């Protein structure tokens, strides 16, 4: 399993709609947080090891209505 974090910039007034749709409709999205700064949302996603990250982001997240821009962070190891 691979974990990625995706910052999302939304069209004005659309952040809550994007967050709701991502959590409800995209199985790989485990959490969505509203954040301050350049981006509106931070999505935590779990992908199978064989799933292509680029295709997932461009095909599932960037095509959500209201999404203007994304910035993806690929993780290596989780510490707890």
N, C-alpha and C. Protein backbone atom coordinates (compact mmCIF):
# COMPACT_ATOMS: atom_id res chain seq x y z
N UNK A 1 0.85 -1.18 0.00
CA UNK A 1 0.00 0.00 0.00
C UNK A 1 0.89 1.24 0.00
N UNK A 2 0.58 2.20 -0.85
CA UNK A 2 1.32 3.45 -0.88
C UNK A 2 0.41 4.59 -0.43
N UNK A 3 0.98 5.52 0.31
CA UNK A 3 0.24 6.66 0.84
C UNK A 3 0.71 7.92 0.14
N UNK A 4 -0.25 8.72 -0.30
CA UNK A 4 0.07 10.02 -0.87
C UNK A 4 -0.80 11.09 -0.20
N UNK A 5 -0.29 12.30 -0.17
CA UNK A 5 -1.05 13.46 0.28
C UNK A 5 -1.17 14.39 -0.91
N UNK A 6 -2.38 14.90 -1.12
CA UNK A 6 -2.61 15.78 -2.26
C UNK A 6 -3.24 17.08 -1.76
N UNK A 7 -2.51 18.19 -1.98
CA UNK A 7 -3.08 19.51 -1.73
C UNK A 7 -3.94 19.88 -2.91
N UNK A 8 -5.11 20.47 -2.65
CA UNK A 8 -6.05 20.82 -3.71
C UNK A 8 -6.45 22.28 -3.59
N UNK A 9 -6.33 23.01 -4.69
CA UNK A 9 -6.86 24.38 -4.77
C UNK A 9 -8.19 24.28 -5.52
N UNK A 10 -9.21 24.90 -4.95
CA UNK A 10 -10.56 24.80 -5.51
C UNK A 10 -11.03 26.13 -6.07
N UNK A 11 -12.04 26.04 -6.93
CA UNK A 11 -12.72 27.25 -7.38
C UNK A 11 -13.37 27.90 -6.16
N UNK A 12 -13.55 29.22 -6.21
CA UNK A 12 -14.14 29.92 -5.08
C UNK A 12 -15.49 29.33 -4.69
N UNK A 13 -15.65 29.06 -3.41
CA UNK A 13 -16.90 28.54 -2.89
C UNK A 13 -17.14 27.06 -3.09
N UNK A 14 -16.17 26.33 -3.63
CA UNK A 14 -16.37 24.92 -3.96
C UNK A 14 -15.63 23.94 -3.06
N UNK A 15 -14.85 24.41 -2.09
CA UNK A 15 -14.01 23.52 -1.29
C UNK A 15 -14.82 22.44 -0.57
N UNK A 16 -15.93 22.82 0.05
CA UNK A 16 -16.71 21.83 0.79
C UNK A 16 -17.35 20.81 -0.14
N UNK A 17 -17.76 21.26 -1.32
CA UNK A 17 -18.34 20.33 -2.30
C UNK A 17 -17.29 19.33 -2.78
N UNK A 18 -16.10 19.82 -3.07
CA UNK A 18 -15.00 18.95 -3.52
C UNK A 18 -14.66 17.94 -2.42
N UNK A 19 -14.55 18.42 -1.19
CA UNK A 19 -14.21 17.54 -0.07
C UNK A 19 -15.25 16.44 0.10
N UNK A 20 -16.51 16.81 0.07
CA UNK A 20 -17.58 15.82 0.25
C UNK A 20 -17.58 14.78 -0.85
N UNK A 21 -17.44 15.23 -2.08
CA UNK A 21 -17.46 14.28 -3.20
C UNK A 21 -16.25 13.35 -3.15
N UNK A 22 -15.09 13.88 -2.80
CA UNK A 22 -13.89 13.04 -2.74
C UNK A 22 -14.04 11.94 -1.71
N UNK A 23 -14.51 12.29 -0.52
CA UNK A 23 -14.64 11.31 0.57
C UNK A 23 -15.73 10.28 0.25
N UNK A 24 -16.82 10.74 -0.33
CA UNK A 24 -17.95 9.85 -0.59
C UNK A 24 -17.75 8.95 -1.82
N UNK A 25 -17.08 9.47 -2.85
CA UNK A 25 -17.06 8.77 -4.14
C UNK A 25 -15.74 8.12 -4.53
N UNK A 26 -14.64 8.49 -3.87
CA UNK A 26 -13.35 7.95 -4.27
C UNK A 26 -12.82 7.07 -3.13
N UNK A 27 -12.85 5.79 -3.35
CA UNK A 27 -12.50 4.79 -2.34
C UNK A 27 -11.10 5.00 -1.75
N UNK A 28 -10.17 5.43 -2.55
CA UNK A 28 -8.78 5.58 -2.10
C UNK A 28 -8.56 6.79 -1.19
N UNK A 29 -9.51 7.72 -1.15
CA UNK A 29 -9.39 8.90 -0.30
C UNK A 29 -9.86 8.54 1.10
N UNK A 30 -8.94 8.61 2.08
CA UNK A 30 -9.32 8.23 3.44
C UNK A 30 -9.71 9.43 4.30
N UNK A 31 -9.09 10.58 4.05
CA UNK A 31 -9.38 11.78 4.84
C UNK A 31 -9.25 13.00 3.95
N UNK A 32 -10.04 14.02 4.25
CA UNK A 32 -9.88 15.33 3.61
C UNK A 32 -9.96 16.38 4.70
N UNK A 33 -8.97 17.26 4.72
CA UNK A 33 -8.91 18.34 5.72
C UNK A 33 -8.95 19.68 5.01
N UNK A 34 -9.70 20.63 5.56
CA UNK A 34 -9.59 22.00 5.06
C UNK A 34 -8.35 22.60 5.70
N UNK A 35 -7.59 23.36 4.93
CA UNK A 35 -6.31 23.91 5.40
C UNK A 35 -6.22 25.38 5.01
N UNK A 36 -5.31 26.08 5.69
CA UNK A 36 -5.06 27.48 5.34
C UNK A 36 -3.85 27.55 4.43
N UNK A 37 -3.69 28.67 3.76
CA UNK A 37 -2.54 28.86 2.89
C UNK A 37 -2.91 28.84 1.43
N UNK A 38 -1.97 28.44 0.60
CA UNK A 38 -2.13 28.46 -0.86
C UNK A 38 -3.21 27.49 -1.35
N UNK A 39 -3.39 26.40 -0.62
CA UNK A 39 -4.36 25.38 -1.02
C UNK A 39 -5.53 25.36 -0.06
N UNK A 40 -6.65 24.80 -0.51
CA UNK A 40 -7.88 24.76 0.28
C UNK A 40 -8.06 23.46 1.04
N UNK A 41 -7.60 22.36 0.45
CA UNK A 41 -7.82 21.03 1.02
C UNK A 41 -6.53 20.22 1.02
N UNK A 42 -6.46 19.27 1.95
CA UNK A 42 -5.39 18.27 1.97
C UNK A 42 -6.06 16.91 2.03
N UNK A 43 -5.78 16.08 1.03
CA UNK A 43 -6.37 14.74 0.94
C UNK A 43 -5.31 13.69 1.24
N UNK A 44 -5.68 12.74 2.09
CA UNK A 44 -4.81 11.59 2.37
C UNK A 44 -5.39 10.40 1.61
N UNK A 45 -4.56 9.79 0.78
CA UNK A 45 -5.03 8.70 -0.08
C UNK A 45 -4.15 7.47 0.09
N UNK A 46 -4.78 6.31 0.10
CA UNK A 46 -4.08 5.03 0.13
C UNK A 46 -4.31 4.33 -1.20
N UNK A 47 -3.21 4.01 -1.89
CA UNK A 47 -3.30 3.36 -3.19
C UNK A 47 -2.64 1.99 -3.14
N UNK A 48 -3.18 1.02 -3.86
CA UNK A 48 -2.49 -0.27 -3.96
C UNK A 48 -1.10 -0.06 -4.58
N UNK A 49 -0.18 -0.92 -4.24
CA UNK A 49 1.20 -0.78 -4.73
C UNK A 49 1.29 -0.73 -6.25
N UNK A 50 0.37 -1.40 -6.93
CA UNK A 50 0.44 -1.44 -8.39
C UNK A 50 -0.34 -0.33 -9.08
N UNK A 51 -0.97 0.57 -8.31
CA UNK A 51 -1.73 1.66 -8.92
C UNK A 51 -0.80 2.83 -9.24
N UNK A 52 -0.92 3.36 -10.44
CA UNK A 52 -0.10 4.48 -10.88
C UNK A 52 -0.60 5.77 -10.24
N UNK A 53 0.28 6.44 -9.52
CA UNK A 53 -0.10 7.66 -8.80
C UNK A 53 -0.54 8.76 -9.76
N UNK A 54 0.20 8.94 -10.83
CA UNK A 54 -0.14 9.98 -11.80
C UNK A 54 -1.51 9.79 -12.41
N UNK A 55 -1.82 8.57 -12.79
CA UNK A 55 -3.14 8.30 -13.36
C UNK A 55 -4.24 8.48 -12.32
N UNK A 56 -3.97 8.11 -11.07
CA UNK A 56 -4.97 8.29 -10.02
C UNK A 56 -5.27 9.78 -9.82
N UNK A 57 -4.22 10.58 -9.68
CA UNK A 57 -4.41 12.01 -9.42
C UNK A 57 -5.10 12.68 -10.60
N UNK A 58 -4.60 12.45 -11.81
CA UNK A 58 -5.18 13.13 -12.97
C UNK A 58 -6.56 12.59 -13.34
N UNK A 59 -6.78 11.30 -13.12
CA UNK A 59 -8.05 10.69 -13.51
C UNK A 59 -9.16 10.78 -12.49
N UNK A 60 -8.80 10.86 -11.21
CA UNK A 60 -9.84 10.86 -10.16
C UNK A 60 -9.93 12.19 -9.42
N UNK A 61 -8.80 12.75 -9.02
CA UNK A 61 -8.85 13.97 -8.20
C UNK A 61 -8.95 15.24 -9.04
N UNK A 62 -8.12 15.36 -10.07
CA UNK A 62 -8.16 16.58 -10.87
C UNK A 62 -9.43 16.74 -11.68
N UNK A 63 -10.18 15.66 -11.86
CA UNK A 63 -11.42 15.74 -12.63
C UNK A 63 -12.64 16.01 -11.77
N UNK A 64 -12.47 16.11 -10.44
CA UNK A 64 -13.60 16.46 -9.59
C UNK A 64 -14.07 17.87 -9.93
N UNK A 65 -15.38 18.08 -10.04
CA UNK A 65 -15.87 19.43 -10.32
C UNK A 65 -15.43 20.40 -9.21
N UNK A 66 -14.87 21.52 -9.61
CA UNK A 66 -14.44 22.53 -8.66
C UNK A 66 -12.96 22.52 -8.35
N UNK A 67 -12.22 21.52 -8.83
CA UNK A 67 -10.77 21.46 -8.59
C UNK A 67 -10.05 22.31 -9.63
N UNK A 68 -9.17 23.21 -9.16
CA UNK A 68 -8.39 24.06 -10.06
C UNK A 68 -6.95 23.59 -10.20
N UNK A 69 -6.37 23.07 -9.10
CA UNK A 69 -4.94 22.75 -9.09
C UNK A 69 -4.67 21.72 -8.00
N UNK A 70 -3.65 20.88 -8.23
CA UNK A 70 -3.24 19.92 -7.20
C UNK A 70 -1.73 19.95 -7.04
N UNK A 71 -1.28 19.50 -5.87
CA UNK A 71 0.15 19.35 -5.57
C UNK A 71 0.28 18.06 -4.78
N UNK A 72 0.99 17.08 -5.31
CA UNK A 72 1.05 15.74 -4.73
C UNK A 72 2.35 15.51 -3.99
N UNK A 73 2.25 14.93 -2.79
CA UNK A 73 3.40 14.53 -2.00
C UNK A 73 3.37 13.02 -1.88
N UNK A 74 4.45 12.37 -2.30
CA UNK A 74 4.58 10.92 -2.20
C UNK A 74 5.36 10.61 -0.92
N UNK A 75 4.83 9.69 -0.12
CA UNK A 75 5.49 9.36 1.14
C UNK A 75 6.36 8.13 1.00
N UNK A 76 7.33 8.00 1.94
CA UNK A 76 8.22 6.85 1.93
C UNK A 76 7.96 5.92 3.11
N UNK A 77 7.93 6.45 4.32
CA UNK A 77 7.79 5.63 5.52
C UNK A 77 6.96 6.39 6.54
N UNK A 78 6.08 5.68 7.20
CA UNK A 78 5.29 6.28 8.28
C UNK A 78 5.89 5.90 9.61
N UNK A 79 6.00 6.86 10.49
CA UNK A 79 6.53 6.61 11.84
C UNK A 79 5.38 6.80 12.83
N UNK A 80 5.35 5.94 13.84
CA UNK A 80 4.31 6.09 14.86
C UNK A 80 4.87 5.79 16.24
